């Protein structure tokens, strides 16, 4: 009995992977084994960096809040401690935006915290 290889499914699977390799440089875009390895590695990086992106944004927000707080004579840790103690429900993303783009609003928050 002849061996069944299911070429239709194999081709579809390879075609899907090659579609993901579109735009890659050199043999990474058109040679099956190289493209498959490149795409799998790219998926690993994208999985890892979805986590790192969250870390990096949090670091950026903390830096911006720290800079804004220091203009008003407080450190970041003092400011955030006071914010939580006063029960102000603003997260770091919003506080960083206020410190960066709306300094008068951030100054009002600092004033509220210092009371």
Protein backbone atom coordinates (compact mmCIF):
# COMPACT_ATOMS: atom_id res chain seq x y z
CA UNK A 1 0.00 0.00 0.00
CA UNK A 2 1.41 3.44 -0.93
CA UNK A 3 2.29 5.90 1.78
CA UNK A 4 -0.14 8.79 2.32
CA UNK A 5 1.58 12.10 2.91
CA UNK A 6 -1.33 14.59 2.91
CA UNK A 7 0.47 17.14 0.76
CA UNK A 8 -2.48 19.53 0.93
CA UNK A 9 -2.18 19.99 4.70
CA UNK A 10 1.62 20.15 4.56
CA UNK A 11 1.55 22.83 1.87
CA UNK A 12 -1.07 24.81 3.77
CA UNK A 13 1.00 24.65 6.97
CA UNK A 14 4.18 25.77 5.17
CA UNK A 15 2.35 28.49 3.28
CA UNK A 16 0.99 29.89 6.54
CA UNK A 17 4.48 29.98 8.06
CA UNK A 18 5.97 31.57 4.92
CA UNK A 19 3.27 34.24 5.07
CA UNK A 20 4.55 35.17 8.54
CA UNK A 21 8.10 35.41 7.14
CA UNK A 22 7.06 38.00 4.57
CA UNK A 23 9.34 41.04 4.76
CA UNK A 24 12.28 39.19 6.28
CA UNK A 25 15.72 39.67 4.71
CA UNK A 26 17.54 37.18 2.50
CA UNK A 27 16.82 33.46 2.79
CA UNK A 28 14.76 34.09 5.92
CA UNK A 29 11.81 35.00 3.68
CA UNK A 30 11.85 32.22 1.08
CA UNK A 31 13.74 29.11 2.28
CA UNK A 32 11.48 26.88 4.36
CA UNK A 33 13.86 25.75 7.13
CA UNK A 34 15.47 29.16 7.58
CA UNK A 35 12.11 30.96 7.48
CA UNK A 36 10.55 28.55 9.97
CA UNK A 37 13.39 29.08 12.46
CA UNK A 38 13.27 32.86 11.95
CA UNK A 39 9.51 33.05 12.48
CA UNK A 40 9.62 30.86 15.59
CA UNK A 41 12.41 33.01 17.04
CA UNK A 42 10.42 36.15 16.20
CA UNK A 43 7.44 34.72 18.07
CA UNK A 44 9.64 34.06 21.11
CA UNK A 45 10.88 37.64 21.06
CA UNK A 46 7.38 39.04 20.67
CA UNK A 47 6.10 36.94 23.58
CA UNK A 48 8.96 38.10 25.81
CA UNK A 49 8.69 41.73 24.78
CA UNK A 50 4.97 41.93 25.41
CA UNK A 51 5.95 41.43 29.06
CA UNK A 52 8.95 43.79 28.88
CA UNK A 53 6.81 46.53 27.33
CA UNK A 54 4.73 46.72 30.51
CA UNK A 55 7.91 46.96 32.62
CA UNK A 56 9.39 49.68 30.45
CA UNK A 57 6.27 51.83 30.53
CA UNK A 58 6.03 51.52 34.31
CA UNK A 59 9.69 52.63 34.60
CA UNK A 60 8.98 55.61 32.33
CA UNK A 61 5.93 56.63 34.35
CA UNK A 62 7.87 56.39 37.62
CA UNK A 63 10.67 58.55 36.19
CA UNK A 64 8.20 61.21 35.05
CA UNK A 65 6.33 61.23 38.37
CA UNK A 66 9.64 61.48 40.23
CA UNK A 67 10.71 64.47 38.12
CA UNK A 68 7.37 66.19 38.70
CA UNK A 69 7.38 65.48 42.44
CA UNK A 70 10.94 66.76 42.88
CA UNK A 71 9.92 70.10 41.33
CA UNK A 72 7.58 70.42 44.30
CA UNK A 73 10.12 69.33 46.90
CA UNK A 74 9.13 65.67 47.30
CA UNK A 75 10.71 62.40 46.28
CA UNK A 76 8.81 59.78 44.33
CA UNK A 77 8.43 57.46 47.30
CA UNK A 78 7.19 60.24 49.59
CA UNK A 79 4.74 61.41 46.95
CA UNK A 80 3.33 57.96 46.17
CA UNK A 81 3.09 57.09 49.85
CA UNK A 82 1.12 60.27 50.48
CA UNK A 83 -1.09 59.66 47.44
CA UNK A 84 -2.06 56.23 48.74
CA UNK A 85 -2.52 57.52 52.29
CA UNK A 86 -4.87 60.26 51.08
CA UNK A 87 -6.84 57.70 49.04
CA UNK A 88 -6.31 59.41 45.69
CA UNK A 89 -7.31 56.87 43.04
CA UNK A 90 -4.95 57.93 40.23
CA UNK A 91 -2.65 55.32 38.74
CA UNK A 92 0.94 55.92 37.66
CA UNK A 93 0.00 56.30 33.99
CA UNK A 94 -2.38 59.17 34.74
CA UNK A 95 -0.02 60.82 37.24
CA UNK A 96 2.83 60.66 34.72
CA UNK A 97 0.62 62.24 32.05
CA UNK A 98 -0.37 65.02 34.44
CA UNK A 99 3.26 65.63 35.42
CA UNK A 100 4.31 65.75 31.78
CA UNK A 101 1.49 67.52 29.94
CA UNK A 102 -0.56 69.29 32.65
CA UNK A 103 1.85 70.63 35.28
CA UNK A 104 -0.80 72.84 36.90
CA UNK A 105 -3.07 69.81 37.47
CA UNK A 106 -0.12 67.84 38.86
CA UNK A 107 0.67 70.77 41.16
CA UNK A 108 -2.93 70.62 42.42
CA UNK A 109 -2.50 66.91 43.20
CA UNK A 110 0.76 67.64 45.05
CA UNK A 111 -0.98 70.43 46.97
CA UNK A 112 -3.80 68.04 47.92
CA UNK A 113 -1.25 65.45 49.05
CA UNK A 114 0.77 67.91 51.16
CA UNK A 115 -2.28 69.01 53.21
